[in-house]
Structures are given as C-alpha cells and as structure tokens.
Amino acid sequence: MTENFVSGKLKLKGVKDGKVKKKKKKKSVAQKNALTDKLKSEENKGECVEEDRDEQKAPAPRISKTKAEIAFMKAQQKSEGEKILKKAQTSHKERVEQFNEHLDNLIEHFDIPKVSWTK
C-alpha cells in the first residue's frame, strides 16, 4: 500500500517565503490632523503662544452638583469631623485599655491575646 504524503514544514496558503507579515495600522483622520497641526505650530511658535493665552482665559465647563449630592457631601464632612474629634479626645493608652476591657467581657470563644501598651 502506498501512501501519498508530503514531508517537511507546513506552509500557509498565500504566504511567500514562510514569513507572515503584519498589517500596518491605518492612521485615523484625527491623528493626521493632529500631526499636521503640530507641524504648523512648530513653524508658527509666536502665534501659538497667543492662542494658548486665549484658551487659558476661557473658563472650563462646570459640572454642577445636585442638592442631594451637596447635602451628602456636607453630612460626610460633618461625620468625619466628629470621628476625628472623638479619636483626638482619647490617648493611645486609653484606647488600649478600653480594648482590653472589651476583650475581658468577651467569652472565651472569641479570645484574643491582650494588647499591652508597655512591653
């Protein structure tokens, strides 16, 4: 029985010399315009400076917040201020003692070694 088969490397259809060429990416119209603008701006540096000043003078569009968002932000700031004041009133030593008292009140199932402020 004779079998017909081809030995050697596999070849891709439509590819010459066994090399696959990558397709080049096409530049969009916006990129081309940006490149031409950049070249023009390099030629006319003096004019560009005046245009930049005009652009800086124009105010940026402002995104306004709703009443609910403003009230939420105020409430958050108020609660953060209260938390900071509460933490500032107790020293580290007092906080450690309070934590140890809390651990004493827990049952053994949740037993955690006590924290000591002195070693």
PDB file of N, CA and C in Angstrom:
ATOM      1  N   MET A   1       0.830  -1.165   0.000  1.00  0.00           N
ATOM      2  CA  MET A   1       0.000   0.000   0.000  1.00  0.00           C
ATOM      3  C   MET A   1       0.887   1.244   0.000  1.00  0.00           C
ATOM      4  N   THR A   2       0.666   2.094  -0.934  1.00  0.00           N
ATOM      5  CA  THR A   2       1.451   3.319  -0.998  1.00  0.00           C
ATOM      6  C   THR A   2       0.606   4.486  -0.535  1.00  0.00           C
ATOM      7  N   GLU A   3       1.199   5.221   0.355  1.00  0.00           N
ATOM      8  CA  GLU A   3       0.513   6.415   0.876  1.00  0.00           C
ATOM      9  C   GLU A   3       1.200   7.644   0.325  1.00  0.00           C
ATOM     10  N   ASN A   4       0.428   8.581  -0.127  1.00  0.00           N
ATOM     11  CA  ASN A   4       0.979   9.831  -0.622  1.00  0.00           C
ATOM     12  C   ASN A   4       0.927  10.878   0.487  1.00  0.00           C
ATOM     13  N   PHE A   5       2.072  11.372   0.871  1.00  0.00           N
ATOM     14  CA  PHE A   5       2.123  12.443   1.852  1.00  0.00           C
ATOM     15  C   PHE A   5       3.322  13.312   1.559  1.00  0.00           C
ATOM     16  N   VAL A   6       3.250  14.518   2.029  1.00  0.00           N
ATOM     17  CA  VAL A   6       4.316  15.489   1.808  1.00  0.00           C
ATOM     18  C   VAL A   6       5.087  15.622   3.112  1.00  0.00           C
ATOM     19  N   SER A   7       6.363  15.454   3.044  1.00  0.00           N
ATOM     20  CA  SER A   7       7.176  15.624   4.250  1.00  0.00           C
ATOM     21  C   SER A   7       7.738  17.038   4.282  1.00  0.00           C
ATOM     22  N   GLY A   8       8.041  17.505   5.471  1.00  0.00           N
ATOM     23  CA  GLY A   8       8.639  18.827   5.605  1.00  0.00           C
ATOM     24  C   GLY A   8       7.737  19.769   6.379  1.00  0.00           C
ATOM     25  N   LYS A   9       8.059  21.055   6.289  1.00  0.00           N
ATOM     26  CA  LYS A   9       7.335  22.069   7.046  1.00  0.00           C
ATOM     27  C   LYS A   9       5.937  22.293   6.484  1.00  0.00           C
ATOM     28  N   LEU A  10       5.053  22.710   7.372  1.00  0.00           N
ATOM     29  CA  LEU A  10       3.723  23.107   6.922  1.00  0.00           C
ATOM     30  C   LEU A  10       3.807  24.498   6.308  1.00  0.00           C
ATOM     31  N   LYS A  11       3.065  24.704   5.262  1.00  0.00           N
ATOM     32  CA  LYS A  11       3.096  26.001   4.599  1.00  0.00           C
ATOM     33  C   LYS A  11       1.715  26.633   4.667  1.00  0.00           C
ATOM     34  N   LEU A  12       1.699  27.939   4.889  1.00  0.00           N
ATOM     35  CA  LEU A  12       0.455  28.676   4.907  1.00  0.00           C
ATOM     36  C   LEU A  12       0.104  29.108   3.488  1.00  0.00           C
ATOM     37  N   LYS A  13      -1.158  29.053   3.163  1.00  0.00           N
ATOM     38  CA  LYS A  13      -1.593  29.460   1.839  1.00  0.00           C
ATOM     39  C   LYS A  13      -1.450  30.965   1.688  1.00  0.00           C
ATOM     40  N   GLY A  14      -1.014  31.399   0.566  1.00  0.00           N
ATOM     41  CA  GLY A  14      -0.936  32.819   0.263  1.00  0.00           C
ATOM     42  C   GLY A  14       0.235  33.530   0.915  1.00  0.00           C
ATOM     43  N   VAL A  15       1.163  32.793   1.525  1.00  0.00           N
ATOM     44  CA  VAL A  15       2.307  33.412   2.179  1.00  0.00           C
ATOM     45  C   VAL A  15       3.563  32.953   1.463  1.00  0.00           C
ATOM     46  N   LYS A  16       4.397  33.906   1.074  1.00  0.00           N
ATOM     47  CA  LYS A  16       5.632  33.573   0.374  1.00  0.00           C
ATOM     48  C   LYS A  16       6.781  33.496   1.378  1.00  0.00           C
ATOM     49  N   ASP A  17       7.691  32.652   1.141  1.00  0.00           N
ATOM     50  CA  ASP A  17       8.919  32.509   1.924  1.00  0.00           C
ATOM     51  C   ASP A  17       8.654  32.139   3.383  1.00  0.00           C
ATOM     52  N   GLY A  18       7.477  31.705   3.734  1.00  0.00           N
ATOM     53  CA  GLY A  18       7.192  31.262   5.098  1.00  0.00           C
ATOM     54  C   GLY A  18       7.167  32.376   6.125  1.00  0.00           C
ATOM     55  N   LYS A  19       7.127  33.629   5.696  1.00  0.00           N
ATOM     56  CA  LYS A  19       7.106  34.746   6.642  1.00  0.00           C
ATOM     57  C   LYS A  19       5.721  35.373   6.654  1.00  0.00           C
ATOM     58  N   VAL A  20       5.217  35.611   7.842  1.00  0.00           N
ATOM     59  CA  VAL A  20       3.919  36.249   7.975  1.00  0.00           C
ATOM     60  C   VAL A  20       4.166  37.727   8.216  1.00  0.00           C
ATOM     61  N   LYS A  21       3.590  38.552   7.380  1.00  0.00           N
ATOM     62  CA  LYS A  21       3.765  39.995   7.523  1.00  0.00           C
ATOM     63  C   LYS A  21       2.595  40.571   8.300  1.00  0.00           C
ATOM     64  N   LYS A  22       2.924  41.455   9.216  1.00  0.00           N
ATOM     65  CA  LYS A  22       1.882  42.124   9.989  1.00  0.00           C
ATOM     66  C   LYS A  22       1.281  43.240   9.155  1.00  0.00           C
ATOM     67  N   LYS A  23      -0.021  43.422   9.305  1.00  0.00           N
ATOM     68  CA  LYS A  23      -0.674  44.508   8.607  1.00  0.00           C
ATOM     69  C   LYS A  23      -0.374  45.815   9.314  1.00  0.00           C
ATOM     70  N   LYS A  24      -0.121  46.850   8.543  1.00  0.00           N
ATOM     71  CA  LYS A  24       0.133  48.157   9.126  1.00  0.00           C
ATOM     72  C   LYS A  24      -1.177  48.791   9.554  1.00  0.00           C
ATOM     73  N   LYS A  25      -1.131  49.456  10.696  1.00  0.00           N
ATOM     74  CA  LYS A  25      -2.330  50.134  11.179  1.00  0.00           C
ATOM     75  C   LYS A  25      -2.527  51.413  10.389  1.00  0.00           C
ATOM     76  N   LYS A  26      -3.773  51.681  10.042  1.00  0.00           N
ATOM     77  CA  LYS A  26      -4.090  52.902   9.328  1.00  0.00           C
ATOM     78  C   LYS A  26      -4.309  54.021  10.326  1.00  0.00           C
ATOM     79  N   LYS A  27      -3.766  55.177  10.031  1.00  0.00           N
ATOM     80  CA  LYS A  27      -3.948  56.327  10.910  1.00  0.00           C
ATOM     81  C   LYS A  27      -5.311  56.940  10.635  1.00  0.00           C
ATOM     82  N   SER A  28      -5.981  57.298  11.712  1.00  0.00           N
ATOM     83  CA  SER A  28      -7.287  57.914  11.552  1.00  0.00           C
ATOM     84  C   SER A  28      -7.132  59.360  11.091  1.00  0.00           C
ATOM     85  N   VAL A  29      -8.198  59.925  10.659  1.00  0.00           N
ATOM     86  CA  VAL A  29      -8.199  61.310  10.179  1.00  0.00           C
ATOM     87  C   VAL A  29      -7.827  62.261  11.315  1.00  0.00           C
ATOM     88  N   ALA A  30      -8.287  61.960  12.516  1.00  0.00           N
ATOM     89  CA  ALA A  30      -7.992  62.819  13.656  1.00  0.00           C
ATOM     90  C   ALA A  30      -6.497  62.841  13.952  1.00  0.00           C
ATOM     91  N   GLN A  31      -5.841  61.683  13.857  1.00  0.00           N
ATOM     92  CA  GLN A  31      -4.404  61.632  14.109  1.00  0.00           C
ATOM     93  C   GLN A  31      -3.637  62.395  13.042  1.00  0.00           C
ATOM     94  N   LYS A  32      -4.087  62.274  11.787  1.00  0.00           N
ATOM     95  CA  LYS A  32      -3.422  63.011  10.719  1.00  0.00           C
ATOM     96  C   LYS A  32      -3.552  64.507  10.940  1.00  0.00           C
ATOM     97  N   ASN A  33      -4.750  64.935  11.333  1.00  0.00           N
ATOM     98  CA  ASN A  33      -4.967  66.360  11.595  1.00  0.00           C
ATOM     99  C   ASN A  33      -4.103  66.830  12.757  1.00  0.00           C
ATOM    100  N   ALA A  34      -3.965  66.004  13.781  1.00  0.00           N
ATOM    101  CA  ALA A  34      -3.151  66.367  14.936  1.00  0.00           C
ATOM    102  C   ALA A  34      -1.690  66.529  14.522  1.00  0.00           C
ATOM    103  N   LEU A  35      -1.205  65.634  13.668  1.00  0.00           N
ATOM    104  CA  LEU A  35       0.178  65.728  13.209  1.00  0.00           C
ATOM    105  C   LEU A  35       0.403  66.988  12.378  1.00  0.00           C
ATOM    106  N   THR A  36      -0.538  67.301  11.476  1.00  0.00           N
ATOM    107  CA  THR A  36      -0.378  68.494  10.657  1.00  0.00           C
ATOM    108  C   THR A  36      -0.444  69.751  11.525  1.00  0.00           C
ATOM    109  N   ASP A  37      -1.321  69.743  12.526  1.00  0.00           N
ATOM    110  CA  ASP A  37      -1.412  70.887  13.436  1.00  0.00           C
ATOM    111  C   ASP A  37      -0.111  71.070  14.213  1.00  0.00           C
ATOM    112  N   LYS A  38       0.475  69.954  14.618  1.00  0.00           N
ATOM    113  CA  LYS A  38       1.721  70.013  15.380  1.00  0.00           C
ATOM    114  C   LYS A  38       2.828  70.620  14.527  1.00  0.00           C
ATOM    115  N   LEU A  39       2.900  70.213  13.256  1.00  0.00           N
ATOM    116  CA  LEU A  39       3.916  70.752  12.357  1.00  0.00           C
ATOM    117  C   LEU A  39       3.708  72.250  12.129  1.00  0.00           C
ATOM    118  N   LYS A  40       2.461  72.636  11.954  1.00  0.00           N
ATOM    119  CA  LYS A  40       2.159  74.053  11.748  1.00  0.00           C
ATOM    120  C   LYS A  40       2.512  74.866  12.985  1.00  0.00           C
ATOM    121  N   SER A  41       2.261  74.291  14.158  1.00  0.00           N
ATOM    122  CA  SER A  41       2.534  75.033  15.389  1.00  0.00           C
ATOM    123  C   SER A  41       4.033  75.222  15.601  1.00  0.00           C
ATOM    124  N   GLU A  42       4.832  74.251  15.160  1.00  0.00           N
ATOM    125  CA  GLU A  42       6.277  74.408  15.272  1.00  0.00           C
ATOM    126  C   GLU A  42       6.775  75.522  14.366  1.00  0.00           C
ATOM    127  N   GLU A  43       6.143  75.662  13.219  1.00  0.00           N
ATOM    128  CA  GLU A  43       6.534  76.718  12.288  1.00  0.00           C
ATOM    129  C   GLU A  43       6.142  78.090  12.828  1.00  0.00           C
ATOM    130  N   ASN A  44       4.986  78.173  13.456  1.00  0.00           N
ATOM    131  CA  ASN A  44       4.469  79.454  13.929  1.00  0.00           C
ATOM    132  C   ASN A  44       4.423  79.471  15.453  1.00  0.00           C
ATOM    133  N   LYS A  45       5.568  79.431  16.087  1.00  0.00           N
ATOM    134  CA  LYS A  45       5.604  79.383  17.558  1.00  0.00           C
ATOM    135  C   LYS A  45       5.050  80.653  18.173  1.00  0.00           C
ATOM    136  N   GLY A  46       5.326  81.784  17.579  1.00  0.00           N
ATOM    137  CA  GLY A  46       4.853  83.052  18.121  1.00  0.00           C
ATOM    138  C   GLY A  46       3.337  83.137  18.126  1.00  0.00           C
ATOM    139  N   GLU A  47       2.710  82.684  17.077  1.00  0.00           N
ATOM    140  CA  GLU A  47       1.257  82.718  17.003  1.00  0.00           C
ATOM    141  C   GLU A  47       0.633  81.734  17.985  1.00  0.00           C
ATOM    142  N   CYS A  48       1.311  80.626  18.230  1.00  0.00           N
ATOM    143  CA  CYS A  48       0.788  79.590  19.136  1.00  0.00           C
ATOM    144  C   CYS A  48       0.689  80.113  20.559  1.00  0.00           C
ATOM    145  N   VAL A  49       1.657  80.908  20.968  1.00  0.00           N
ATOM    146  CA  VAL A  49       1.658  81.433  22.334  1.00  0.00           C
ATOM    147  C   VAL A  49       0.431  82.295  22.570  1.00  0.00           C
ATOM    148  N   GLU A  50       0.067  83.120  21.582  1.00  0.00           N
ATOM    149  CA  GLU A  50      -1.113  83.965  21.720  1.00  0.00           C
ATOM    150  C   GLU A  50      -2.389  83.131  21.780  1.00  0.00           C
ATOM    151  N   GLU A  51      -2.456  82.062  20.988  1.00  0.00           N
ATOM    152  CA  GLU A  51      -3.640  81.201  21.005  1.00  0.00           C
ATOM    153  C   GLU A  51      -3.778  80.488  22.343  1.00  0.00           C
ATOM    154  N   ASP A  52      -2.645  80.051  22.928  1.00  0.00           N
ATOM    155  CA  ASP A  52      -2.685  79.378  24.231  1.00  0.00           C
ATOM    156  C   ASP A  52      -3.220  80.311  25.312  1.00  0.00           C
ATOM    157  N   ARG A  53      -2.835  81.583  25.243  1.00  0.00           N
ATOM    158  CA  ARG A  53      -3.329  82.550  26.231  1.00  0.00           C
ATOM    159  C   ARG A  53      -4.846  82.693  26.127  1.00  0.00           C
ATOM    160  N   ASP A  54      -5.365  82.728  24.900  1.00  0.00           N
ATOM    161  CA  ASP A  54      -6.808  82.838  24.699  1.00  0.00           C
ATOM    162  C   ASP A  54      -7.526  81.606  25.244  1.00  0.00           C
ATOM    163  N   GLU A  55      -6.930  80.438  25.055  1.00  0.00           N
ATOM    164  CA  GLU A  55      -7.547  79.206  25.544  1.00  0.00           C
ATOM    165  C   GLU A  55      -7.569  79.166  27.069  1.00  0.00           C
ATOM    166  N   GLN A  56      -6.539  79.711  27.705  1.00  0.00           N
ATOM    167  CA  GLN A  56      -6.481  79.714  29.162  1.00  0.00           C
ATOM    168  C   GLN A  56      -7.502  80.668  29.757  1.00  0.00           C
ATOM    169  N   LYS A  57      -7.827  81.722  29.064  1.00  0.00           N
ATOM    170  CA  LYS A  57      -8.784  82.695  29.572  1.00  0.00           C
ATOM    171  C   LYS A  57     -10.199  82.136  29.585  1.00  0.00           C
ATOM    172  N   ALA A  58     -10.517  81.278  28.633  1.00  0.00           N
ATOM    173  CA  ALA A  58     -11.864  80.716  28.546  1.00  0.00           C
ATOM    174  C   ALA A  58     -12.099  79.769  29.723  1.00  0.00           C
ATOM    175  N   PRO A  59     -13.179  79.987  30.480  1.00  0.00           N
ATOM    176  CA  PRO A  59     -13.434  79.117  31.625  1.00  0.00           C
ATOM    177  C   PRO A  59     -13.842  77.711  31.172  1.00  0.00           C
ATOM    178  N   ALA A  60     -13.422  76.737  31.949  1.00  0.00           N
ATOM    179  CA  ALA A  60     -13.772  75.349  31.644  1.00  0.00           C
ATOM    180  C   ALA A  60     -15.236  75.121  31.990  1.00  0.00           C
ATOM    181  N   PRO A  61     -15.901  74.231  31.292  1.00  0.00           N
ATOM    182  CA  PRO A  61     -17.301  73.953  31.629  1.00  0.00           C
ATOM    183  C   PRO A  61     -17.410  73.380  33.037  1.00  0.00           C
ATOM    184  N   ARG A  62     -18.360  73.880  33.806  1.00  0.00           N
ATOM    185  CA  ARG A  62     -18.521  73.497  35.199  1.00  0.00           C
ATOM    186  C   ARG A  62     -19.612  72.456  35.330  1.00  0.00           C
ATOM    187  N   ILE A  63     -19.310  71.406  36.046  1.00  0.00           N
ATOM    188  CA  ILE A  63     -20.303  70.379  36.298  1.00  0.00           C
ATOM    189  C   ILE A  63     -20.921  70.678  37.654  1.00  0.00           C
ATOM    190  N   SER A  64     -22.201  70.974  37.658  1.00  0.00           N
ATOM    191  CA  SER A  64     -22.850  71.326  38.910  1.00  0.00           C
ATOM    192  C   SER A  64     -23.372  70.076  39.594  1.00  0.00           C
ATOM    193  N   LYS A  65     -23.425  70.126  40.916  1.00  0.00           N
ATOM    194  CA  LYS A  65     -23.913  69.000  41.699  1.00  0.00           C
ATOM    195  C   LYS A  65     -25.363  69.258  42.093  1.00  0.00           C
ATOM    196  N   THR A  66     -26.088  68.191  42.301  1.00  0.00           N
ATOM    197  CA  THR A  66     -27.482  68.320  42.708  1.00  0.00           C
ATOM    198  C   THR A  66     -27.551  68.657  44.191  1.00  0.00           C
ATOM    199  N   LYS A  67     -28.719  69.042  44.641  1.00  0.00           N
ATOM    200  CA  LYS A  67     -28.900  69.392  46.051  1.00  0.00           C
ATOM    201  C   LYS A  67     -28.618  68.196  46.947  1.00  0.00           C
ATOM    202  N   ALA A  68     -29.038  67.021  46.510  1.00  0.00           N
ATOM    203  CA  ALA A  68     -28.817  65.804  47.291  1.00  0.00           C
ATOM    204  C   ALA A  68     -27.327  65.502  47.417  1.00  0.00           C
ATOM    205  N   GLU A  69     -26.577  65.695  46.333  1.00  0.00           N
ATOM    206  CA  GLU A  69     -25.136  65.455  46.383  1.00  0.00           C
ATOM    207  C   GLU A  69     -24.445  66.425  47.325  1.00  0.00           C
ATOM    208  N   ILE A  70     -24.861  67.679  47.281  1.00  0.00           N
ATOM    209  CA  ILE A  70     -24.274  68.690  48.169  1.00  0.00           C
ATOM    210  C   ILE A  70     -24.586  68.358  49.621  1.00  0.00           C
ATOM    211  N   ALA A  71     -25.827  67.972  49.919  1.00  0.00           N
ATOM    212  CA  ALA A  71     -26.208  67.611  51.288  1.00  0.00           C
ATOM    213  C   ALA A  71     -25.428  66.386  51.752  1.00  0.00           C
ATOM    214  N   PHE A  72     -25.235  65.415  50.866  1.00  0.00           N
ATOM    215  CA  PHE A  72     -24.483  64.213  51.208  1.00  0.00           C
ATOM    216  C   PHE A  72     -23.033  64.552  51.537  1.00  0.00           C
ATOM    217  N   MET A  73     -22.413  65.419  50.731  1.00  0.00           N
ATOM    218  CA  MET A  73     -21.025  65.824  50.975  1.00  0.00           C
ATOM    219  C   MET A  73     -20.905  66.534  52.323  1.00  0.00           C
ATOM    220  N   LYS A  74     -21.860  67.418  52.636  1.00  0.00           N
ATOM    221  CA  LYS A  74     -21.824  68.127  53.924  1.00  0.00           C
ATOM    222  C   LYS A  74     -21.956  67.152  55.089  1.00  0.00           C
ATOM    223  N   ALA A  75     -22.861  66.189  54.965  1.00  0.00           N
ATOM    224  CA  ALA A  75     -23.059  65.202  56.027  1.00  0.00           C
ATOM    225  C   ALA A  75     -21.801  64.359  56.213  1.00  0.00           C
ATOM    226  N   GLN A  76     -21.144  64.007  55.129  1.00  0.00           N
ATOM    227  CA  GLN A  76     -19.903  63.227  55.221  1.00  0.00           C
ATOM    228  C   GLN A  76     -18.813  64.019  55.919  1.00  0.00           C
ATOM    229  N   GLN A  77     -18.661  65.282  55.551  1.00  0.00           N
ATOM    230  CA  GLN A  77     -17.644  66.125  56.175  1.00  0.00           C
ATOM    231  C   GLN A  77     -17.919  66.282  57.667  1.00  0.00           C
ATOM    232  N   LYS A  78     -19.185  66.443  58.033  1.00  0.00           N
ATOM    233  CA  LYS A  78     -19.555  66.608  59.429  1.00  0.00           C
ATOM    234  C   LYS A  78     -19.229  65.342  60.225  1.00  0.00           C
ATOM    235  N   SER A  79     -19.580  64.171  59.661  1.00  0.00           N
ATOM    236  CA  SER A  79     -19.316  62.920  60.375  1.00  0.00           C
ATOM    237  C   SER A  79     -17.815  62.654  60.484  1.00  0.00           C
ATOM    238  N   GLU A  80     -17.042  63.002  59.458  1.00  0.00           N
ATOM    239  CA  GLU A  80     -15.591  62.850  59.524  1.00  0.00           C
ATOM    240  C   GLU A  80     -15.005  63.734  60.612  1.00  0.00           C
ATOM    241  N   GLY A  81     -15.493  64.959  60.702  1.00  0.00           N
ATOM    242  CA  GLY A  81     -15.022  65.872  61.748  1.00  0.00           C
ATOM    243  C   GLY A  81     -15.313  65.333  63.141  1.00  0.00           C
ATOM    244  N   GLU A  82     -16.510  64.767  63.321  1.00  0.00           N
ATOM    245  CA  GLU A  82     -16.872  64.206  64.617  1.00  0.00           C
ATOM    246  C   GLU A  82     -15.983  63.011  64.962  1.00  0.00           C
ATOM    247  N   LYS A  83     -15.699  62.154  63.977  1.00  0.00           N
ATOM    248  CA  LYS A  83     -14.833  60.996  64.207  1.00  0.00           C
ATOM    249  C   LYS A  83     -13.429  61.437  64.613  1.00  0.00           C
ATOM    250  N   ILE A  84     -12.921  62.444  63.953  1.00  0.00           N
ATOM    251  CA  ILE A  84     -11.576  62.944  64.251  1.00  0.00           C
ATOM    252  C   ILE A  84     -11.527  63.505  65.661  1.00  0.00           C
ATOM    253  N   LEU A  85     -12.541  64.288  66.037  1.00  0.00           N
ATOM    254  CA  LEU A  85     -12.576  64.849  67.387  1.00  0.00           C
ATOM    255  C   LEU A  85     -12.677  63.748  68.439  1.00  0.00           C
ATOM    256  N   LYS A  86     -13.464  62.736  68.149  1.00  0.00           N
ATOM    257  CA  LYS A  86     -13.642  61.632  69.096  1.00  0.00           C
ATOM    258  C   LYS A  86     -12.319  60.884  69.297  1.00  0.00           C
ATOM    259  N   LYS A  87     -11.594  60.631  68.204  1.00  0.00           N
ATOM    260  CA  LYS A  87     -10.307  59.947  68.319  1.00  0.00           C
ATOM    261  C   LYS A  87      -9.275  60.830  69.008  1.00  0.00           C
ATOM    262  N   ALA A  88      -9.336  62.127  68.795  1.00  0.00           N
ATOM    263  CA  ALA A  88      -8.355  63.039  69.373  1.00  0.00           C
ATOM    264  C   ALA A  88      -8.551  63.176  70.880  1.00  0.00           C
ATOM    265  N   GLN A  89      -9.753  62.939  71.386  1.00  0.00           N
ATOM    266  CA  GLN A  89     -10.024  63.099  72.813  1.00  0.00           C
ATOM    267  C   GLN A  89      -9.371  62.000  73.645  1.00  0.00           C
ATOM    268  N   THR A  90      -9.266  60.791  73.099  1.00  0.00           N
ATOM    269  CA  THR A  90      -8.674  59.697  73.872  1.00  0.00           C
ATOM    270  C   THR A  90      -7.250  59.455  73.408  1.00  0.00           C
ATOM    271  N   SER A  91      -6.370  59.171  74.361  1.00  0.00           N
ATOM    272  CA  SER A  91      -4.985  58.887  74.012  1.00  0.00           C
ATOM    273  C   SER A  91      -4.855  57.423  73.601  1.00  0.00           C
ATOM    274  N   HIS A  92      -3.712  57.084  73.127  1.00  0.00           N
ATOM    275  CA  HIS A  92      -3.466  55.704  72.696  1.00  0.00           C
ATOM    276  C   HIS A  92      -3.572  54.761  73.902  1.00  0.00           C
ATOM    277  N   LYS A  93      -3.023  55.188  75.012  1.00  0.00           N
ATOM    278  CA  LYS A  93      -3.049  54.362  76.234  1.00  0.00           C
ATOM    279  C   LYS A  93      -4.492  54.062  76.655  1.00  0.00           C
ATOM    280  N   GLU A  94      -5.347  55.082  76.613  1.00  0.00           N
ATOM    281  CA  GLU A  94      -6.751  54.904  76.984  1.00  0.00           C
ATOM    282  C   GLU A  94      -7.465  53.966  76.006  1.00  0.00           C
ATOM    283  N   ARG A  95      -7.167  54.103  74.714  1.00  0.00           N
ATOM    284  CA  ARG A  95      -7.786  53.232  73.724  1.00  0.00           C
ATOM    285  C   ARG A  95      -7.380  51.774  73.930  1.00  0.00           C
ATOM    286  N   VAL A  96      -6.108  51.541  74.262  1.00  0.00           N
ATOM    287  CA  VAL A  96      -5.640  50.183  74.522  1.00  0.00           C
ATOM    288  C   VAL A  96      -6.340  49.605  75.744  1.00  0.00           C
ATOM    289  N   GLU A  97      -6.500  50.408  76.777  1.00  0.00           N
ATOM    290  CA  GLU A  97      -7.191  49.942  77.984  1.00  0.00           C
ATOM    291  C   GLU A  97      -8.662  49.605  77.682  1.00  0.00           C
ATOM    292  N   GLN A  98      -9.305  50.449  76.888  1.00  0.00           N
ATOM    293  CA  GLN A  98     -10.695  50.177  76.513  1.00  0.00           C
ATOM    294  C   GLN A  98     -10.795  48.885  75.703  1.00  0.00           C
ATOM    295  N   PHE A  99      -9.844  48.660  74.826  1.00  0.00           N
ATOM    296  CA  PHE A  99      -9.837  47.445  74.017  1.00  0.00           C
ATOM    297  C   PHE A  99      -9.645  46.215  74.902  1.00  0.00           C
ATOM    298  N   ASN A 100      -8.739  46.306  75.890  1.00  0.00           N
ATOM    299  CA  ASN A 100      -8.509  45.186  76.805  1.00  0.00           C
ATOM    300  C   ASN A 100      -9.758  44.890  77.642  1.00  0.00           C
ATOM    301  N   GLU A 101     -10.455  45.949  78.073  1.00  0.00           N
ATOM    302  CA  GLU A 101     -11.702  45.747  78.828  1.00  0.00           C
ATOM    303  C   GLU A 101     -12.745  45.048  77.959  1.00  0.00           C
ATOM    304  N   HIS A 102     -12.813  45.452  76.715  1.00  0.00           N
ATOM    305  CA  HIS A 102     -13.746  44.833  75.784  1.00  0.00           C
ATOM    306  C   HIS A 102     -13.419  43.346  75.610  1.00  0.00           C
ATOM    307  N   LEU A 103     -12.106  43.020  75.492  1.00  0.00           N
ATOM    308  CA  LEU A 103     -11.692  41.619  75.353  1.00  0.00           C
ATOM    309  C   LEU A 103     -12.023  40.811  76.603  1.00  0.00           C
ATOM    310  N   ASP A 104     -11.932  41.442  77.804  1.00  0.00           N
ATOM    311  CA  ASP A 104     -12.283  40.759  79.057  1.00  0.00           C
ATOM    312  C   ASP A 104     -13.764  40.382  79.082  1.00  0.00           C
ATOM    313  N   ASN A 105     -14.594  41.219  78.511  1.00  0.00           N
ATOM    314  CA  ASN A 105     -16.033  40.980  78.518  1.00  0.00           C
ATOM    315  C   ASN A 105     -16.469  39.898  77.531  1.00  0.00           C
ATOM    316  N   LEU A 106     -15.635  39.602  76.537  1.00  0.00           N
ATOM    317  CA  LEU A 106     -15.978  38.582  75.552  1.00  0.00           C
ATOM    318  C   LEU A 106     -15.838  37.194  76.158  1.00  0.00           C
ATOM    319  N   ILE A 107     -16.589  36.236  75.605  1.00  0.00           N
ATOM    320  CA  ILE A 107     -16.453  34.857  76.059  1.00  0.00           C
ATOM    321  C   ILE A 107     -15.199  34.250  75.449  1.00  0.00           C
ATOM    322  N   GLU A 108     -14.776  33.106  75.926  1.00  0.00           N
ATOM    323  CA  GLU A 108     -13.504  32.532  75.511  1.00  0.00           C
ATOM    324  C   GLU A 108     -13.473  32.146  74.035  1.00  0.00           C
ATOM    325  N   HIS A 109     -14.628  31.922  73.459  1.00  0.00           N
ATOM    326  CA  HIS A 109     -14.679  31.541  72.045  1.00  0.00           C
ATOM    327  C   HIS A 109     -14.005  32.593  71.171  1.00  0.00           C
ATOM    328  N   PHE A 110     -14.137  33.852  71.538  1.00  0.00           N
ATOM    329  CA  PHE A 110     -13.554  34.954  70.772  1.00  0.00           C
ATOM    330  C   PHE A 110     -12.275  35.460  71.413  1.00  0.00           C
ATOM    331  N   ASP A 111     -11.587  34.623  72.163  1.00  0.00           N
ATOM    332  CA  ASP A 111     -10.429  35.053  72.939  1.00  0.00           C
ATOM    333  C   ASP A 111      -9.288  35.490  72.020  1.00  0.00           C
ATOM    334  N   ILE A 112      -8.792  36.702  72.249  1.00  0.00           N
ATOM    335  CA  ILE A 112      -7.656  37.262  71.533  1.00  0.00           C
ATOM    336  C   ILE A 112      -6.650  37.675  72.601  1.00  0.00           C
ATOM    337  N   PRO A 113      -5.370  37.453  72.389  1.00  0.00           N
ATOM    338  CA  PRO A 113      -4.390  37.885  73.377  1.00  0.00           C
ATOM    339  C   PRO A 113      -4.494  39.386  73.625  1.00  0.00           C
ATOM    340  N   LYS A 114      -4.331  39.790  74.891  1.00  0.00           N
ATOM    341  CA  LYS A 114      -4.453  41.206  75.229  1.00  0.00           C
ATOM    342  C   LYS A 114      -3.331  42.019  74.621  1.00  0.00           C
ATOM    343  N   VAL A 115      -3.646  43.265  74.346  1.00  0.00           N
ATOM    344  CA  VAL A 115      -2.651  44.169  73.809  1.00  0.00           C
ATOM    345  C   VAL A 115      -2.098  44.980  74.958  1.00  0.00           C
ATOM    346  N   SER A 116      -0.790  45.098  75.002  1.00  0.00           N
ATOM    347  CA  SER A 116      -0.165  45.835  76.085  1.00  0.00           C
ATOM    348  C   SER A 116       0.495  47.088  75.521  1.00  0.00           C
ATOM    349  N   TRP A 117       0.341  48.191  76.233  1.00  0.00           N
ATOM    350  CA  TRP A 117       0.978  49.417  75.771  1.00  0.00           C
ATOM    351  C   TRP A 117       2.412  49.518  76.264  1.00  0.00           C
ATOM    352  N   THR A 118       2.802  48.618  77.172  1.00  0.00           N
ATOM    353  CA  THR A 118       4.212  48.523  77.575  1.00  0.00           C
ATOM    354  C   THR A 118       4.644  47.083  77.364  1.00  0.00           C
ATOM    355  N   LYS A 119       5.883  46.916  76.999  1.00  0.00           N
ATOM    356  CA  LYS A 119       6.365  45.543  76.748  1.00  0.00           C
ATOM    357  C   LYS A 119       7.198  45.036  77.880  1.00  0.00           C
TER     358      LYS A 119
END
